[in-house]
Amino acid sequence: LVRNRAAMDNKIHDPAIIMVVPSGNFGNLTSGLIAKEMGAPIAGFV
């Protein structure tokens, strides 16, 4: 969703999408890694 709307929101075409993840047991961030492995256009994580 963010990739498709970024050019309209901020004029950045094909932005590096950074997922910023509150992390405790690190399950949520691990889920993000799975999405990235499956092709999600995610450049990285905080």
All heavy atoms as atom14 arrays in JSON, in Angstrom:
{
  "sequence": "LVRNRAAMDNKIHDPAIIMVVPSGNFGNLTSGLIAKEMGAPIAGFV",
  "atom14_mask": [
    [1, 1, 1, 1, 1, 1, 1, 1, 0, 0, 0, 0, 0, 0],
    [1, 1, 1, 1, 1, 1, 1, 0, 0, 0, 0, 0, 0, 0],
    [1, 1, 1, 1, 1, 1, 1, 1, 1, 1, 1, 0, 0, 0],
    [1, 1, 1, 1, 1, 1, 1, 1, 0, 0, 0, 0, 0, 0],
    [1, 1, 1, 1, 1, 1, 1, 1, 1, 1, 1, 0, 0, 0],
    [1, 1, 1, 1, 1, 0, 0, 0, 0, 0, 0, 0, 0, 0],
    [1, 1, 1, 1, 1, 0, 0, 0, 0, 0, 0, 0, 0, 0],
    [1, 1, 1, 1, 1, 1, 1, 1, 0, 0, 0, 0, 0, 0],
    [1, 1, 1, 1, 1, 1, 1, 1, 0, 0, 0, 0, 0, 0],
    [1, 1, 1, 1, 1, 1, 1, 1, 0, 0, 0, 0, 0, 0],
    [1, 1, 1, 1, 1, 1, 1, 1, 1, 0, 0, 0, 0, 0],
    [1, 1, 1, 1, 1, 1, 1, 1, 0, 0, 0, 0, 0, 0],
    [1, 1, 1, 1, 1, 1, 1, 1, 1, 1, 0, 0, 0, 0],
    [1, 1, 1, 1, 1, 1, 1, 1, 0, 0, 0, 0, 0, 0],
    [1, 1, 1, 1, 1, 1, 1, 0, 0, 0, 0, 0, 0, 0],
    [1, 1, 1, 1, 1, 0, 0, 0, 0, 0, 0, 0, 0, 0],
    [1, 1, 1, 1, 1, 1, 1, 1, 0, 0, 0, 0, 0, 0],
    [1, 1, 1, 1, 1, 1, 1, 1, 0, 0, 0, 0, 0, 0],
    [1, 1, 1, 1, 1, 1, 1, 1, 0, 0, 0, 0, 0, 0],
    [1, 1, 1, 1, 1, 1, 1, 0, 0, 0, 0, 0, 0, 0],
    [1, 1, 1, 1, 1, 1, 1, 0, 0, 0, 0, 0, 0, 0],
    [1, 1, 1, 1, 1, 1, 1, 0, 0, 0, 0, 0, 0, 0],
    [1, 1, 1, 1, 1, 1, 0, 0, 0, 0, 0, 0, 0, 0],
    [1, 1, 1, 1, 0, 0, 0, 0, 0, 0, 0, 0, 0, 0],
    [1, 1, 1, 1, 1, 1, 1, 1, 0, 0, 0, 0, 0, 0],
    [1, 1, 1, 1, 1, 1, 1, 1, 1, 1, 1, 0, 0, 0],
    [1, 1, 1, 1, 0, 0, 0, 0, 0, 0, 0, 0, 0, 0],
    [1, 1, 1, 1, 1, 1, 1, 1, 0, 0, 0, 0, 0, 0],
    [1, 1, 1, 1, 1, 1, 1, 1, 0, 0, 0, 0, 0, 0],
    [1, 1, 1, 1, 1, 1, 1, 0, 0, 0, 0, 0, 0, 0],
    [1, 1, 1, 1, 1, 1, 0, 0, 0, 0, 0, 0, 0, 0],
    [1, 1, 1, 1, 0, 0, 0, 0, 0, 0, 0, 0, 0, 0],
    [1, 1, 1, 1, 1, 1, 1, 1, 0, 0, 0, 0, 0, 0],
    [1, 1, 1, 1, 1, 1, 1, 1, 0, 0, 0, 0, 0, 0],
    [1, 1, 1, 1, 1, 0, 0, 0, 0, 0, 0, 0, 0, 0],
    [1, 1, 1, 1, 1, 1, 1, 1, 1, 0, 0, 0, 0, 0],
    [1, 1, 1, 1, 1, 1, 1, 1, 1, 0, 0, 0, 0, 0],
    [1, 1, 1, 1, 1, 1, 1, 1, 0, 0, 0, 0, 0, 0],
    [1, 1, 1, 1, 0, 0, 0, 0, 0, 0, 0, 0, 0, 0],
    [1, 1, 1, 1, 1, 0, 0, 0, 0, 0, 0, 0, 0, 0],
    [1, 1, 1, 1, 1, 1, 1, 0, 0, 0, 0, 0, 0, 0],
    [1, 1, 1, 1, 1, 1, 1, 1, 0, 0, 0, 0, 0, 0],
    [1, 1, 1, 1, 1, 0, 0, 0, 0, 0, 0, 0, 0, 0],
    [1, 1, 1, 1, 0, 0, 0, 0, 0, 0, 0, 0, 0, 0],
    [1, 1, 1, 1, 1, 1, 1, 1, 1, 1, 1, 0, 0, 0],
    [1, 1, 1, 1, 1, 1, 1, 0, 0, 0, 0, 0, 0, 0]
  ],
  "atom14_positions": [
    [[0.82, -1.2, 0.0], [0.0, 0.0, 0.0], [0.86, 1.26, 0.0], [0.63, 2.2, -0.79], [-0.92, -0.01, 1.22], [-1.93, 1.13, 1.34], [-2.93, 1.08, 0.19], [-2.67, 1.04, 2.68], [0.0, 0.0, 0.0], [0.0, 0.0, 0.0], [0.0, 0.0, 0.0], [0.0, 0.0, 0.0], [0.0, 0.0, 0.0], [0.0, 0.0, 0.0]],
    [[1.87, 1.29, 0.87], [2.73, 2.47, 0.96], [3.54, 2.65, -0.31], [3.7, 3.78, -0.8], [3.64, 2.37, 2.2], [4.76, 3.41, 2.16], [2.83, 2.53, 3.48], [0.0, 0.0, 0.0], [0.0, 0.0, 0.0], [0.0, 0.0, 0.0], [0.0, 0.0, 0.0], [0.0, 0.0, 0.0], [0.0, 0.0, 0.0], [0.0, 0.0, 0.0]],
    [[4.05, 1.58, -0.88], [4.81, 1.69, -2.13], [3.95, 2.33, -3.22], [4.41, 3.21, -3.97], [5.27, 0.31, -2.6], [6.1, 0.34, -3.89], [6.2, -1.03, -4.51], [4.88, -1.56, -4.86], [4.66, -2.82, -5.25], [5.66, -3.68, -5.31], [3.44, -3.21, -5.57], [0.0, 0.0, 0.0], [0.0, 0.0, 0.0], [0.0, 0.0, 0.0]],
    [[2.68, 1.91, -3.3], [1.82, 2.4, -4.38], [1.36, 3.84, -4.17], [1.06, 4.53, -5.14], [0.6, 1.48, -4.52], [0.95, 0.12, -5.13], [2.08, -0.1, -5.55], [-0.01, -0.77, -5.16], [0.0, 0.0, 0.0], [0.0, 0.0, 0.0], [0.0, 0.0, 0.0], [0.0, 0.0, 0.0], [0.0, 0.0, 0.0], [0.0, 0.0, 0.0]],
    [[1.33, 4.31, -2.93], [0.85, 5.66, -2.68], [1.97, 6.67, -2.43], [1.72, 7.87, -2.36], [-0.14, 5.69, -1.52], [0.44, 5.34, -0.16], [-0.6, 5.51, 0.94], [-0.93, 6.92, 1.15], [-1.93, 7.34, 1.92], [-2.7, 6.46, 2.54], [-2.15, 8.64, 2.07], [0.0, 0.0, 0.0], [0.0, 0.0, 0.0], [0.0, 0.0, 0.0]],
    [[3.22, 6.18, -2.29], [4.32, 7.07, -1.87], [4.54, 8.21, -2.86], [4.78, 9.36, -2.45], [5.6, 6.27, -1.68], [0.0, 0.0, 0.0], [0.0, 0.0, 0.0], [0.0, 0.0, 0.0], [0.0, 0.0, 0.0], [0.0, 0.0, 0.0], [0.0, 0.0, 0.0], [0.0, 0.0, 0.0], [0.0, 0.0, 0.0], [0.0, 0.0, 0.0]],
    [[4.48, 7.91, -4.15], [4.75, 8.96, -5.14], [3.75, 10.1, -5.01], [4.1, 11.28, -5.19], [4.69, 8.36, -6.55], [0.0, 0.0, 0.0], [0.0, 0.0, 0.0], [0.0, 0.0, 0.0], [0.0, 0.0, 0.0], [0.0, 0.0, 0.0], [0.0, 0.0, 0.0], [0.0, 0.0, 0.0], [0.0, 0.0, 0.0], [0.0, 0.0, 0.0]],
    [[2.51, 9.78, -4.66], [1.5, 10.81, -4.47], [1.73, 11.57, -3.17], [1.56, 12.79, -3.11], [0.11, 10.15, -4.46], [-1.04, 11.11, -4.2], [-2.64, 10.25, -4.19], [-2.44, 9.2, -2.72], [0.0, 0.0, 0.0], [0.0, 0.0, 0.0], [0.0, 0.0, 0.0], [0.0, 0.0, 0.0], [0.0, 0.0, 0.0], [0.0, 0.0, 0.0]],
    [[2.14, 10.85, -2.11], [2.31, 11.48, -0.81], [3.55, 12.35, -0.72], [3.55, 13.38, -0.04], [2.37, 10.42, 0.29], [1.04, 9.72, 0.53], [0.0, 10.28, 0.13], [1.05, 8.63, 1.11], [0.0, 0.0, 0.0], [0.0, 0.0, 0.0], [0.0, 0.0, 0.0], [0.0, 0.0, 0.0], [0.0, 0.0, 0.0], [0.0, 0.0, 0.0]],
    [[4.64, 11.89, -1.33], [5.93, 12.54, -1.08], [6.83, 12.65, -2.3], [7.99, 13.02, -2.17], [6.67, 11.79, 0.03], [6.65, 10.29, -0.19], [7.0, 9.8, -1.25], [6.19, 9.54, 0.82], [0.0, 0.0, 0.0], [0.0, 0.0, 0.0], [0.0, 0.0, 0.0], [0.0, 0.0, 0.0], [0.0, 0.0, 0.0], [0.0, 0.0, 0.0]],
    [[6.32, 12.29, -3.47], [7.08, 12.39, -4.73], [8.3, 11.48, -4.76], [9.21, 11.67, -5.57], [7.51, 13.84, -5.0], [6.39, 14.86, -4.98], [5.36, 14.59, -6.06], [4.31, 15.7, -6.16], [3.37, 15.7, -5.02], [0.0, 0.0, 0.0], [0.0, 0.0, 0.0], [0.0, 0.0, 0.0], [0.0, 0.0, 0.0], [0.0, 0.0, 0.0]],
    [[8.33, 10.48, -3.87], [9.43, 9.52, -3.89], [8.97, 8.28, -4.66], [8.04, 7.6, -4.23], [9.88, 9.11, -2.47], [10.27, 10.33, -1.66], [11.05, 8.13, -2.54], [10.59, 10.03, -0.2], [0.0, 0.0, 0.0], [0.0, 0.0, 0.0], [0.0, 0.0, 0.0], [0.0, 0.0, 0.0], [0.0, 0.0, 0.0], [0.0, 0.0, 0.0]],
    [[9.57, 8.02, -5.79], [9.21, 6.84, -6.56], [10.06, 5.66, -6.09], [11.26, 5.77, -5.93], [9.44, 7.09, -8.06], [8.5, 8.12, -8.63], [7.25, 7.8, -9.1], [8.65, 9.47, -8.75], [6.65, 8.92, -9.51], [7.48, 9.94, -9.31], [0.0, 0.0, 0.0], [0.0, 0.0, 0.0], [0.0, 0.0, 0.0], [0.0, 0.0, 0.0]],
    [[9.42, 4.54, -5.87], [10.07, 3.32, -5.39], [10.9, 3.61, -4.13], [12.12, 3.42, -4.11], [10.95, 2.71, -6.48], [11.37, 1.28, -6.15], [10.66, 0.62, -5.36], [12.42, 0.84, -6.65], [0.0, 0.0, 0.0], [0.0, 0.0, 0.0], [0.0, 0.0, 0.0], [0.0, 0.0, 0.0], [0.0, 0.0, 0.0], [0.0, 0.0, 0.0]],
    [[10.26, 4.06, -3.05], [11.01, 4.42, -1.84], [11.56, 3.19, -1.13], [11.04, 2.08, -1.27], [9.94, 5.09, -0.98], [8.66, 4.41, -1.39], [8.81, 4.16, -2.87], [0.0, 0.0, 0.0], [0.0, 0.0, 0.0], [0.0, 0.0, 0.0], [0.0, 0.0, 0.0], [0.0, 0.0, 0.0], [0.0, 0.0, 0.0], [0.0, 0.0, 0.0]],
    [[12.61, 3.39, -0.36], [13.09, 2.36, 0.56], [12.14, 2.38, 1.76], [12.08, 3.36, 2.5], [14.51, 2.65, 1.0], [0.0, 0.0, 0.0], [0.0, 0.0, 0.0], [0.0, 0.0, 0.0], [0.0, 0.0, 0.0], [0.0, 0.0, 0.0], [0.0, 0.0, 0.0], [0.0, 0.0, 0.0], [0.0, 0.0, 0.0], [0.0, 0.0, 0.0]],
    [[11.36, 1.31, 1.92], [10.38, 1.24, 2.99], [11.03, 0.63, 4.23], [11.52, -0.51, 4.18], [9.15, 0.43, 2.56], [8.44, 1.12, 1.39], [8.18, 0.23, 3.73], [7.32, 0.3, 0.77], [0.0, 0.0, 0.0], [0.0, 0.0, 0.0], [0.0, 0.0, 0.0], [0.0, 0.0, 0.0], [0.0, 0.0, 0.0], [0.0, 0.0, 0.0]],
    [[11.04, 1.4, 5.3], [11.66, 0.95, 6.55], [10.55, 0.68, 7.56], [9.76, 1.57, 7.89], [12.61, 2.02, 7.12], [13.57, 2.54, 6.04], [13.39, 1.44, 8.32], [14.4, 1.49, 5.35], [0.0, 0.0, 0.0], [0.0, 0.0, 0.0], [0.0, 0.0, 0.0], [0.0, 0.0, 0.0], [0.0, 0.0, 0.0], [0.0, 0.0, 0.0]],
    [[10.46, -0.56, 8.03], [9.47, -0.94, 9.04], [10.07, -0.71, 10.43], [11.12, -1.29, 10.75], [9.08, -2.4, 8.88], [8.3, -2.68, 7.6], [6.64, -2.01, 7.71], [5.96, -2.47, 6.11], [0.0, 0.0, 0.0], [0.0, 0.0, 0.0], [0.0, 0.0, 0.0], [0.0, 0.0, 0.0], [0.0, 0.0, 0.0], [0.0, 0.0, 0.0]],
    [[9.42, 0.13, 11.21], [9.91, 0.48, 12.54], [9.06, -0.29, 13.55], [7.86, -0.02, 13.69], [9.85, 1.99, 12.78], [10.53, 2.35, 14.1], [10.51, 2.74, 11.62], [0.0, 0.0, 0.0], [0.0, 0.0, 0.0], [0.0, 0.0, 0.0], [0.0, 0.0, 0.0], [0.0, 0.0, 0.0], [0.0, 0.0, 0.0], [0.0, 0.0, 0.0]],
    [[9.68, -1.23, 14.26], [8.93, -2.25, 14.98], [9.22, -2.21, 16.49], [10.34, -2.52, 16.91], [9.26, -3.66, 14.46], [8.32, -4.69, 15.07], [9.2, -3.71, 12.93], [0.0, 0.0, 0.0], [0.0, 0.0, 0.0], [0.0, 0.0, 0.0], [0.0, 0.0, 0.0], [0.0, 0.0, 0.0], [0.0, 0.0, 0.0], [0.0, 0.0, 0.0]],
    [[8.23, -1.82, 17.33], [8.41, -2.0, 18.77], [8.65, -3.47, 19.07], [7.91, -4.33, 18.62], [7.05, -1.53, 19.35], [6.45, -0.67, 18.28], [6.92, -1.27, 16.99], [0.0, 0.0, 0.0], [0.0, 0.0, 0.0], [0.0, 0.0, 0.0], [0.0, 0.0, 0.0], [0.0, 0.0, 0.0], [0.0, 0.0, 0.0], [0.0, 0.0, 0.0]],
    [[9.72, -3.77, 19.83], [10.19, -5.16, 19.91], [10.48, -5.57, 21.34], [11.22, -4.89, 22.06], [11.46, -5.32, 19.06], [11.21, -4.97, 17.71], [0.0, 0.0, 0.0], [0.0, 0.0, 0.0], [0.0, 0.0, 0.0], [0.0, 0.0, 0.0], [0.0, 0.0, 0.0], [0.0, 0.0, 0.0], [0.0, 0.0, 0.0], [0.0, 0.0, 0.0]],
    [[9.9, -6.7, 21.74], [10.14, -7.27, 23.07], [10.6, -8.7, 22.95], [11.78, -9.02, 23.12], [0.0, 0.0, 0.0], [0.0, 0.0, 0.0], [0.0, 0.0, 0.0], [0.0, 0.0, 0.0], [0.0, 0.0, 0.0], [0.0, 0.0, 0.0], [0.0, 0.0, 0.0], [0.0, 0.0, 0.0], [0.0, 0.0, 0.0], [0.0, 0.0, 0.0]],
    [[9.66, -9.6, 22.62], [10.0, -11.0, 22.41], [10.46, -11.27, 20.97], [10.83, -12.37, 20.62], [8.79, -11.89, 22.75], [9.19, -13.21, 23.35], [10.3, -13.38, 23.85], [8.29, -14.18, 23.3], [0.0, 0.0, 0.0], [0.0, 0.0, 0.0], [0.0, 0.0, 0.0], [0.0, 0.0, 0.0], [0.0, 0.0, 0.0], [0.0, 0.0, 0.0]],
    [[10.39, -10.25, 20.13], [10.87, -10.22, 18.74], [10.09, -11.15, 17.8], [10.55, -11.44, 16.7], [12.37, -10.48, 18.67], [13.16, -9.21, 18.89], [13.3, -8.69, 20.16], [13.72, -8.53, 17.83], [13.98, -7.49, 20.38], [14.41, -7.34, 18.03], [14.54, -6.82, 19.31], [0.0, 0.0, 0.0], [0.0, 0.0, 0.0], [0.0, 0.0, 0.0]],
    [[8.88, -11.57, 18.21], [8.04, -12.31, 17.29], [7.53, -11.42, 16.18], [7.51, -11.82, 15.01], [0.0, 0.0, 0.0], [0.0, 0.0, 0.0], [0.0, 0.0, 0.0], [0.0, 0.0, 0.0], [0.0, 0.0, 0.0], [0.0, 0.0, 0.0], [0.0, 0.0, 0.0], [0.0, 0.0, 0.0], [0.0, 0.0, 0.0], [0.0, 0.0, 0.0]],
    [[7.11, -10.19, 16.5], [6.56, -9.29, 15.5], [7.6, -8.97, 14.43], [7.31, -9.0, 13.23], [6.05, -8.01, 16.16], [5.03, -7.27, 15.32], [4.65, -7.71, 14.24], [4.57, -6.14, 15.82], [0.0, 0.0, 0.0], [0.0, 0.0, 0.0], [0.0, 0.0, 0.0], [0.0, 0.0, 0.0], [0.0, 0.0, 0.0], [0.0, 0.0, 0.0]],
    [[8.81, -8.68, 14.86], [9.84, -8.36, 13.88], [10.2, -9.58, 13.04], [10.44, -9.47, 11.83], [11.08, -7.78, 14.57], [11.98, -6.94, 13.64], [12.7, -5.86, 14.43], [12.99, -7.79, 12.9], [0.0, 0.0, 0.0], [0.0, 0.0, 0.0], [0.0, 0.0, 0.0], [0.0, 0.0, 0.0], [0.0, 0.0, 0.0], [0.0, 0.0, 0.0]],
    [[10.2, -10.75, 13.64], [10.46, -11.98, 12.88], [9.39, -12.17, 11.81], [9.68, -12.62, 10.69], [10.52, -13.19, 13.81], [11.51, -12.96, 14.83], [10.9, -14.45, 13.05], [0.0, 0.0, 0.0], [0.0, 0.0, 0.0], [0.0, 0.0, 0.0], [0.0, 0.0, 0.0], [0.0, 0.0, 0.0], [0.0, 0.0, 0.0], [0.0, 0.0, 0.0]],
    [[8.15, -11.83, 12.13], [7.08, -11.9, 11.13], [7.36, -10.96, 9.97], [7.08, -11.28, 8.81], [5.74, -11.55, 11.77], [5.39, -12.46, 12.78], [0.0, 0.0, 0.0], [0.0, 0.0, 0.0], [0.0, 0.0, 0.0], [0.0, 0.0, 0.0], [0.0, 0.0, 0.0], [0.0, 0.0, 0.0], [0.0, 0.0, 0.0], [0.0, 0.0, 0.0]],
    [[7.92, -9.79, 10.26], [8.31, -8.87, 9.2], [9.38, -9.45, 8.31], [9.37, -9.26, 7.08], [0.0, 0.0, 0.0], [0.0, 0.0, 0.0], [0.0, 0.0, 0.0], [0.0, 0.0, 0.0], [0.0, 0.0, 0.0], [0.0, 0.0, 0.0], [0.0, 0.0, 0.0], [0.0, 0.0, 0.0], [0.0, 0.0, 0.0], [0.0, 0.0, 0.0]],
    [[10.32, -10.16, 8.9], [11.36, -10.82, 8.11], [10.76, -11.86, 7.17], [11.19, -12.0, 6.02], [12.38, -11.48, 9.05], [13.21, -10.53, 9.92], [13.98, -11.32, 10.97], [14.16, -9.7, 9.07], [0.0, 0.0, 0.0], [0.0, 0.0, 0.0], [0.0, 0.0, 0.0], [0.0, 0.0, 0.0], [0.0, 0.0, 0.0], [0.0, 0.0, 0.0]],
    [[9.75, -12.59, 7.65], [9.08, -13.57, 6.81], [8.42, -12.88, 5.62], [8.52, -13.35, 4.47], [8.05, -14.38, 7.63], [8.77, -15.26, 8.65], [7.16, -15.23, 6.72], [7.86, -15.92, 9.67], [0.0, 0.0, 0.0], [0.0, 0.0, 0.0], [0.0, 0.0, 0.0], [0.0, 0.0, 0.0], [0.0, 0.0, 0.0], [0.0, 0.0, 0.0]],
    [[7.73, -11.75, 5.88], [7.09, -11.01, 4.78], [8.12, -10.55, 3.76], [7.9, -10.64, 2.54], [6.32, -9.82, 5.35], [0.0, 0.0, 0.0], [0.0, 0.0, 0.0], [0.0, 0.0, 0.0], [0.0, 0.0, 0.0], [0.0, 0.0, 0.0], [0.0, 0.0, 0.0], [0.0, 0.0, 0.0], [0.0, 0.0, 0.0], [0.0, 0.0, 0.0]],
    [[9.26, -10.07, 4.23], [10.32, -9.62, 3.31], [10.84, -10.79, 2.48], [11.05, -10.67, 1.26], [11.46, -8.99, 4.12], [12.56, -8.36, 3.27], [13.54, -7.61, 4.16], [14.55, -6.83, 3.32], [15.53, -7.7, 2.65], [0.0, 0.0, 0.0], [0.0, 0.0, 0.0], [0.0, 0.0, 0.0], [0.0, 0.0, 0.0], [0.0, 0.0, 0.0]],
    [[11.02, -11.94, 3.12], [11.48, -13.12, 2.39], [10.46, -13.54, 1.32], [10.83, -14.08, 0.28], [11.72, -14.28, 3.36], [12.92, -14.11, 4.28], [14.24, -14.19, 3.54], [14.31, -14.85, 2.49], [15.2, -13.55, 3.99], [0.0, 0.0, 0.0], [0.0, 0.0, 0.0], [0.0, 0.0, 0.0], [0.0, 0.0, 0.0], [0.0, 0.0, 0.0]],
    [[9.18, -13.27, 1.55], [8.13, -13.66, 0.61], [7.89, -12.61, -0.47], [7.0, -12.78, -1.31], [6.83, -13.94, 1.36], [6.92, -15.14, 2.3], [5.32, -15.57, 3.03], [4.48, -16.3, 1.61], [0.0, 0.0, 0.0], [0.0, 0.0, 0.0], [0.0, 0.0, 0.0], [0.0, 0.0, 0.0], [0.0, 0.0, 0.0], [0.0, 0.0, 0.0]],
    [[8.68, -11.55, -0.47], [8.61, -10.59, -1.56], [8.1, -9.22, -1.22], [7.97, -8.37, -2.1], [0.0, 0.0, 0.0], [0.0, 0.0, 0.0], [0.0, 0.0, 0.0], [0.0, 0.0, 0.0], [0.0, 0.0, 0.0], [0.0, 0.0, 0.0], [0.0, 0.0, 0.0], [0.0, 0.0, 0.0], [0.0, 0.0, 0.0], [0.0, 0.0, 0.0]],
    [[7.77, -8.96, 0.05], [7.31, -7.63, 0.43], [8.4, -6.6, 0.13], [9.58, -6.84, 0.42], [6.94, -7.59, 1.91], [0.0, 0.0, 0.0], [0.0, 0.0, 0.0], [0.0, 0.0, 0.0], [0.0, 0.0, 0.0], [0.0, 0.0, 0.0], [0.0, 0.0, 0.0], [0.0, 0.0, 0.0], [0.0, 0.0, 0.0], [0.0, 0.0, 0.0]],
    [[8.03, -5.46, -0.47], [9.05, -4.44, -0.81], [9.5, -3.66, 0.42], [9.24, -2.47, 0.58], [8.3, -3.55, -1.81], [6.86, -3.66, -1.4], [6.69, -5.07, -0.92], [0.0, 0.0, 0.0], [0.0, 0.0, 0.0], [0.0, 0.0, 0.0], [0.0, 0.0, 0.0], [0.0, 0.0, 0.0], [0.0, 0.0, 0.0], [0.0, 0.0, 0.0]],
    [[10.2, -4.37, 1.3], [10.71, -3.79, 2.55], [12.23, -3.72, 2.45], [12.89, -4.74, 2.18], [10.3, -4.65, 3.76], [8.77, -4.68, 3.91], [10.96, -4.14, 5.04], [8.28, -5.69, 4.95], [0.0, 0.0, 0.0], [0.0, 0.0, 0.0], [0.0, 0.0, 0.0], [0.0, 0.0, 0.0], [0.0, 0.0, 0.0], [0.0, 0.0, 0.0]],
    [[12.79, -2.52, 2.64], [14.24, -2.37, 2.56], [14.92, -2.82, 3.84], [16.06, -3.32, 3.82], [14.59, -0.91, 2.27], [0.0, 0.0, 0.0], [0.0, 0.0, 0.0], [0.0, 0.0, 0.0], [0.0, 0.0, 0.0], [0.0, 0.0, 0.0], [0.0, 0.0, 0.0], [0.0, 0.0, 0.0], [0.0, 0.0, 0.0], [0.0, 0.0, 0.0]],
    [[14.25, -2.62, 4.99], [14.88, -2.99, 6.24], [13.99, -2.67, 7.43], [12.83, -2.28, 7.27], [0.0, 0.0, 0.0], [0.0, 0.0, 0.0], [0.0, 0.0, 0.0], [0.0, 0.0, 0.0], [0.0, 0.0, 0.0], [0.0, 0.0, 0.0], [0.0, 0.0, 0.0], [0.0, 0.0, 0.0], [0.0, 0.0, 0.0], [0.0, 0.0, 0.0]],
    [[14.57, -2.81, 8.61], [13.81, -2.73, 9.86], [14.56, -1.9, 10.89], [15.8, -1.87, 10.9], [13.57, -4.13, 10.43], [12.83, -5.06, 9.51], [13.51, -5.79, 8.55], [11.46, -5.18, 9.59], [12.82, -6.64, 7.69], [10.76, -6.02, 8.74], [11.44, -6.75, 7.79], [0.0, 0.0, 0.0], [0.0, 0.0, 0.0], [0.0, 0.0, 0.0]],
    [[13.79, -1.28, 11.77], [14.34, -0.69, 12.99], [13.74, -1.46, 14.16], [12.52, -1.5, 14.32], [13.99, 0.8, 13.12], [14.59, 1.35, 14.42], [14.5, 1.59, 11.92], [0.0, 0.0, 0.0], [0.0, 0.0, 0.0], [0.0, 0.0, 0.0], [0.0, 0.0, 0.0], [0.0, 0.0, 0.0], [0.0, 0.0, 0.0], [0.0, 0.0, 0.0]]
  ]
}
